[in-house]
N, C-alpha and C. Protein backbone atom coordinates (compact mmCIF):
# COMPACT_ATOMS: atom_id res chain seq x y z
N UNK A 1 0.85 -0.90 -0.18
CA UNK A 1 0.05 0.00 -0.18
C UNK A 1 0.61 1.44 -0.35
N UNK A 2 0.13 2.21 -0.94
CA UNK A 2 1.41 3.79 -0.77
C UNK A 2 0.17 4.98 -0.50
N UNK A 3 1.13 5.45 -0.16
CA UNK A 3 0.47 7.25 0.23
C UNK A 3 0.29 7.71 -1.27
N UNK A 4 0.06 8.85 -1.02
CA UNK A 4 -0.38 9.90 -2.21
C UNK A 4 1.15 10.46 -3.35
N UNK A 5 2.10 10.07 -2.36
CA UNK A 5 3.51 10.23 -3.21
C UNK A 5 4.10 9.03 -3.47
N UNK A 6 3.33 8.19 -3.30
CA UNK A 6 4.33 6.88 -4.06
C UNK A 6 4.85 6.36 -2.62
N UNK A 7 5.01 6.81 -1.73
CA UNK A 7 5.76 5.95 -0.46
C UNK A 7 5.15 4.66 -0.22
N UNK A 8 6.01 3.75 0.11
CA UNK A 8 5.35 2.69 0.78
C UNK A 8 4.75 2.76 2.33
N UNK A 9 3.45 2.68 2.36
CA UNK A 9 3.15 2.75 4.09
C UNK A 9 2.95 1.12 4.60
N UNK A 10 2.83 0.46 3.62
CA UNK A 10 2.78 -1.11 4.29
C UNK A 10 3.00 -2.11 3.20
N UNK A 11 4.16 -2.68 3.76
CA UNK A 11 4.64 -3.62 2.69
C UNK A 11 3.82 -4.75 2.43
N UNK A 12 3.97 -5.28 1.08
CA UNK A 12 2.73 -6.89 0.94
C UNK A 12 2.90 -7.62 2.04
N UNK A 13 2.22 -8.33 2.38
CA UNK A 13 2.36 -9.55 3.34
C UNK A 13 2.12 -9.05 4.39
N UNK A 14 2.72 -7.89 4.96
CA UNK A 14 2.72 -7.48 6.24
C UNK A 14 0.63 -7.46 6.57
N UNK A 15 1.18 -8.22 8.14
CA UNK A 15 -0.29 -8.16 8.99
C UNK A 15 -0.39 -6.79 9.99
N UNK A 16 -1.46 -6.32 9.54
CA UNK A 16 -2.24 -4.73 10.45
C UNK A 16 -3.31 -5.32 10.87
N UNK A 17 -3.71 -4.81 12.25
CA UNK A 17 -4.61 -4.85 12.80
C UNK A 17 -5.59 -3.67 12.49
N UNK A 18 -6.04 -3.00 12.10
CA UNK A 18 -6.71 -1.79 11.83
C UNK A 18 -7.34 -0.92 13.39
N UNK A 19 -7.47 -2.17 14.30
CA UNK A 19 -7.97 -1.28 15.75
C UNK A 19 -6.93 -0.69 16.31
N UNK A 20 -5.41 -1.17 15.76
CA UNK A 20 -4.25 -0.43 16.62
C UNK A 20 -4.01 0.76 15.91
N UNK A 21 -4.58 1.48 14.63
CA UNK A 21 -4.49 2.95 14.08
C UNK A 21 -5.91 3.40 14.30
N UNK A 22 -7.35 2.73 14.26
CA UNK A 22 -8.65 3.47 14.56
C UNK A 22 -9.57 2.55 15.83
N UNK A 23 -10.14 3.59 16.03
CA UNK A 23 -11.15 3.16 16.90
C UNK A 23 -12.18 2.60 16.09
N UNK A 24 -13.18 2.11 16.77
CA UNK A 24 -14.47 1.61 16.14
C UNK A 24 -15.52 2.41 16.78
N UNK A 25 -16.17 3.41 16.14
CA UNK A 25 -16.76 4.39 16.62
C UNK A 25 -17.77 4.35 17.13
N UNK A 26 -18.98 2.95 16.61
CA UNK A 26 -20.07 3.06 17.34
C UNK A 26 -19.88 1.02 17.02
N UNK A 27 -20.84 0.92 18.60
CA UNK A 27 -21.19 -0.78 18.15
C UNK A 27 -22.34 -0.98 17.15
N UNK A 28 -22.11 -1.98 16.68
CA UNK A 28 -23.05 -2.66 16.07
C UNK A 28 -23.82 -3.66 16.43
N UNK A 29 -25.54 -3.89 15.88
CA UNK A 29 -26.24 -4.75 16.59
C UNK A 29 -26.98 -5.06 15.38
N UNK A 30 -26.92 -6.42 15.13
CA UNK A 30 -27.20 -7.02 13.41
C UNK A 30 -28.37 -8.01 13.97
N UNK A 31 -29.76 -7.60 13.59
CA UNK A 31 -30.61 -8.45 13.89
C UNK A 31 -31.43 -8.80 12.74
N UNK A 32 -32.03 -9.95 12.55
CA UNK A 32 -32.90 -10.02 11.03
C UNK A 32 -34.61 -9.59 11.13
N UNK A 33 -34.78 -8.46 10.67
CA UNK A 33 -36.02 -7.86 11.16
C UNK A 33 -37.23 -8.22 10.22
N UNK A 34 -37.19 -9.66 10.03
CA UNK A 34 -38.22 -10.66 9.40
C UNK A 34 -38.91 -10.75 11.09
N UNK A 35 -38.06 -11.26 11.89
CA UNK A 35 -38.38 -11.62 13.52
C UNK A 35 -38.93 -10.64 13.94
N UNK A 36 -39.77 -10.17 14.50
CA UNK A 36 -40.65 -9.32 15.62
C UNK A 36 -39.76 -9.12 16.68
N UNK A 37 -39.51 -10.15 17.37
CA UNK A 37 -39.01 -10.81 19.07
C UNK A 37 -37.15 -9.68 18.74
N UNK A 38 -36.88 -9.85 17.41
CA UNK A 38 -35.12 -9.48 17.06
C UNK A 38 -35.35 -8.06 16.67
N UNK A 39 -36.40 -7.57 16.37
CA UNK A 39 -36.57 -5.90 15.92
C UNK A 39 -36.76 -5.55 17.32
N UNK A 40 -37.80 -5.91 17.97
CA UNK A 40 -38.24 -5.54 20.00
C UNK A 40 -36.40 -5.21 20.00
N UNK A 41 -36.14 -6.51 20.50
CA UNK A 41 -34.61 -6.38 21.42
C UNK A 41 -34.08 -5.22 20.69
N UNK A 42 -33.48 -5.25 19.53
CA UNK A 42 -32.71 -4.05 19.21
C UNK A 42 -33.20 -2.76 18.96
N UNK A 43 -34.48 -2.55 18.96
CA UNK A 43 -35.03 -1.35 19.28
C UNK A 43 -34.60 -0.98 20.30
N UNK A 44 -35.01 -1.62 21.73
CA UNK A 44 -35.18 -1.02 22.89
C UNK A 44 -33.44 -0.96 23.38
N UNK A 45 -32.87 -1.88 22.66
CA UNK A 45 -30.97 -1.63 22.50
C UNK A 45 -30.64 -0.32 22.22
N UNK A 46 -31.29 -0.08 21.11
CA UNK A 46 -30.78 1.40 20.39
C UNK A 46 -31.32 2.27 21.29
N UNK A 47 -32.55 2.60 21.51
CA UNK A 47 -33.39 3.19 22.74
C UNK A 47 -32.63 3.60 24.20
N UNK A 48 -32.37 2.38 24.66
CA UNK A 48 -31.17 2.61 25.92
C UNK A 48 -29.92 3.12 25.22
N UNK A 49 -29.28 2.66 24.68
CA UNK A 49 -28.11 3.48 24.49
C UNK A 49 -27.72 4.57 23.04
N UNK A 50 -28.93 5.08 22.44
CA UNK A 50 -28.76 6.17 21.61
C UNK A 50 -27.69 6.08 20.35
N UNK A 51 -27.03 6.99 20.54
CA UNK A 51 -26.11 7.61 19.35
C UNK A 51 -24.92 6.31 19.15
N UNK A 52 -24.55 5.69 20.27
CA UNK A 52 -23.35 4.93 19.96
C UNK A 52 -23.57 3.60 19.66
N UNK A 53 -24.87 3.26 18.99
CA UNK A 53 -25.42 2.13 18.22
C UNK A 53 -25.24 2.15 16.32
N UNK A 54 -24.91 1.53 16.02
CA UNK A 54 -25.21 1.40 14.53
C UNK A 54 -26.36 -0.18 14.08
N UNK A 55 -27.45 0.16 13.62
CA UNK A 55 -28.70 -0.96 13.71
C UNK A 55 -28.26 -1.97 11.98
N UNK A 56 -28.04 -2.89 12.07
CA UNK A 56 -27.18 -3.85 11.15
C UNK A 56 -28.39 -4.84 10.49
N UNK A 57 -29.11 -4.76 9.70
CA UNK A 57 -30.24 -6.15 9.04
C UNK A 57 -29.72 -6.88 8.47
N UNK A 58 -29.99 -7.87 8.93
CA UNK A 58 -29.32 -9.13 8.09
C UNK A 58 -30.39 -10.02 7.34
N UNK A 59 -31.45 -9.77 7.73
CA UNK A 59 -32.78 -9.94 6.66
C UNK A 59 -34.28 -9.14 7.10
N UNK A 60 -34.85 -8.89 5.86
CA UNK A 60 -35.93 -8.19 6.16
C UNK A 60 -36.04 -6.58 5.30
N UNK A 61 -37.13 -6.05 5.98
CA UNK A 61 -36.68 -4.64 5.21
C UNK A 61 -36.31 -3.43 5.60
N UNK A 62 -35.12 -3.38 5.71
CA UNK A 62 -34.37 -1.81 6.34
C UNK A 62 -35.09 -0.48 6.22
N UNK A 63 -35.23 -0.42 4.82
CA UNK A 63 -36.26 1.01 4.54
C UNK A 63 -37.36 1.43 5.78
N UNK A 64 -38.29 -0.05 5.79
CA UNK A 64 -39.14 0.14 6.73
C UNK A 64 -38.92 0.27 8.03
N UNK A 65 -38.02 -0.15 8.35
CA UNK A 65 -37.04 0.65 9.78
C UNK A 65 -36.99 1.81 9.74
N UNK A 66 -36.34 1.94 8.84
CA UNK A 66 -35.96 3.39 8.91
C UNK A 66 -36.81 4.28 8.93
N UNK A 67 -38.35 4.27 8.12
CA UNK A 67 -38.83 5.10 8.27
C UNK A 67 -39.66 5.38 9.71
N UNK A 68 -39.82 3.92 9.84
CA UNK A 68 -40.61 3.86 11.38
C UNK A 68 -39.88 4.21 12.68
N UNK A 69 -38.57 4.25 12.62
CA UNK A 69 -37.20 4.65 13.65
C UNK A 69 -37.09 5.91 13.64
N UNK A 70 -37.32 6.70 12.03
CA UNK A 70 -36.62 7.74 11.99
C UNK A 70 -35.24 7.97 12.42
N UNK A 71 -34.30 6.68 11.66
CA UNK A 71 -32.83 7.13 12.08
C UNK A 71 -32.46 6.15 10.84
N UNK A 72 -31.11 6.10 10.24
CA UNK A 72 -30.38 4.95 9.49
C UNK A 72 -30.11 3.40 10.05
N UNK A 73 -30.62 3.05 8.89
CA UNK A 73 -30.95 1.20 9.39
C UNK A 73 -29.77 0.83 8.30
N UNK A 74 -28.65 0.06 8.87
CA UNK A 74 -27.49 -0.43 7.31
C UNK A 74 -28.22 -1.92 7.56
N UNK A 75 -27.99 -2.61 6.07
CA UNK A 75 -28.34 -3.61 5.64
C UNK A 75 -26.98 -4.15 5.22
N UNK A 76 -27.45 -5.37 5.74
CA UNK A 76 -25.63 -6.93 5.56
C UNK A 76 -25.73 -6.95 4.23
N UNK A 77 -25.38 -6.49 2.56
CA UNK A 77 -25.72 -7.22 1.86
C UNK A 77 -25.07 -8.61 1.37
N UNK A 78 -25.93 -9.54 1.23
CA UNK A 78 -25.24 -10.86 0.65
C UNK A 78 -24.50 -11.37 2.40
N UNK A 79 -24.69 -10.84 3.33
CA UNK A 79 -24.03 -11.30 4.66
C UNK A 79 -22.57 -11.23 4.62
N UNK A 80 -22.37 -10.33 3.90
CA UNK A 80 -20.66 -10.21 4.16
C UNK A 80 -20.36 -9.35 5.07
N UNK A 81 -21.11 -9.02 5.93
CA UNK A 81 -20.17 -8.64 7.13
C UNK A 81 -20.30 -9.80 8.31
N UNK A 82 -21.75 -10.38 8.06
CA UNK A 82 -21.81 -11.50 9.26
C UNK A 82 -20.91 -12.73 8.60
N UNK A 83 -20.54 -12.46 7.69
CA UNK A 83 -19.16 -13.38 7.58
C UNK A 83 -17.88 -13.38 7.62
N UNK A 84 -17.84 -12.29 7.33
CA UNK A 84 -16.20 -11.72 7.96
C UNK A 84 -15.97 -11.83 9.69
N UNK A 85 -17.44 -11.44 10.33
CA UNK A 85 -17.18 -11.30 11.53
C UNK A 85 -17.41 -12.36 11.84
N UNK A 86 -17.95 -13.72 11.10
CA UNK A 86 -18.10 -14.84 11.64
C UNK A 86 -19.28 -14.92 12.67
N UNK A 87 -20.33 -14.19 12.48
CA UNK A 87 -21.47 -13.90 12.87
C UNK A 87 -22.51 -15.29 12.86
N UNK A 88 -23.00 -15.90 13.77
CA UNK A 88 -23.61 -17.01 13.53
C UNK A 88 -24.93 -17.01 13.76
N UNK A 89 -25.46 -16.32 14.92
CA UNK A 89 -26.43 -16.11 15.22
C UNK A 89 -27.10 -14.52 15.62
N UNK A 90 -28.13 -14.32 15.08
CA UNK A 90 -28.44 -12.89 15.50
C UNK A 90 -29.66 -13.25 16.54
N UNK A 91 -30.02 -11.86 16.97
CA UNK A 91 -29.37 -10.67 17.35
C UNK A 91 -27.72 -10.63 18.11
N UNK A 92 -26.97 -9.87 17.63
CA UNK A 92 -25.54 -10.05 18.00
C UNK A 92 -25.05 -8.80 17.80
N UNK A 93 -24.25 -7.98 19.20
CA UNK A 93 -23.59 -7.01 18.84
C UNK A 93 -22.07 -7.14 19.34
N UNK A 94 -21.80 -6.13 18.14
CA UNK A 94 -19.82 -5.95 18.06
C UNK A 94 -19.92 -4.84 18.42
N UNK A 95 -18.52 -4.88 19.36
CA UNK A 95 -18.39 -3.98 20.07
C UNK A 95 -16.44 -4.01 20.10
N UNK A 96 -15.62 -3.20 20.56
CA UNK A 96 -14.15 -3.25 20.40
C UNK A 96 -13.71 -3.51 22.06
N UNK A 97 -12.87 -4.07 21.87
CA UNK A 97 -12.61 -4.40 23.27
C UNK A 97 -11.11 -4.37 23.42
N UNK A 98 -10.35 -3.19 23.28
CA UNK A 98 -8.65 -3.13 23.25
C UNK A 98 -8.74 -3.14 21.75
N UNK A 99 -7.94 -3.84 21.43
CA UNK A 99 -7.53 -4.29 19.83
C UNK A 99 -8.13 -5.39 19.49
N UNK A 100 -9.68 -5.91 19.83
CA UNK A 100 -9.96 -6.92 19.39
C UNK A 100 -11.44 -6.38 19.02
N UNK A 101 -12.44 -7.42 18.25
CA UNK A 101 -13.46 -7.06 18.14
C UNK A 101 -14.34 -8.15 18.83
N UNK A 102 -14.87 -7.34 19.99
CA UNK A 102 -15.96 -8.58 20.89
C UNK A 102 -17.42 -8.96 20.45
N UNK A 103 -17.93 -9.98 19.85
CA UNK A 103 -19.29 -10.33 19.29
C UNK A 103 -19.60 -11.25 20.10
N UNK A 104 -21.00 -10.31 21.15
CA UNK A 104 -21.94 -10.74 21.85
C UNK A 104 -23.63 -11.52 21.48
N UNK A 105 -23.97 -12.72 21.62
CA UNK A 105 -25.30 -13.01 20.99
C UNK A 105 -26.14 -12.78 22.30
N UNK A 106 -26.70 -11.97 21.63
CA UNK A 106 -28.17 -11.23 22.48
C UNK A 106 -29.43 -12.02 22.90
N UNK A 107 -29.77 -12.25 24.21
CA UNK A 107 -31.05 -13.61 24.45
C UNK A 107 -32.07 -12.96 23.81
């Protein structure tokens, strides 16, 4: 990886932990919008935590929730994030724990 001047920032093959350079600004809550119980859990969590949480829908209509909740709701297209983060069950909460990501399944 090179910068705008062509200087090497990171050499090929180098392992880099992005959390050593930047922080996860908000926690992510993953849930399936087709399941009313999960929507309720996510909504209650977001109401409690406020703007410190980004809702991420793994299935169902994120647009309906955006209209209903009057806030931005994200969609995990093709399960890309859940695959990368190895999330096997939702609802799940992703947060930063030092230089690692912590994934908790919510009841």
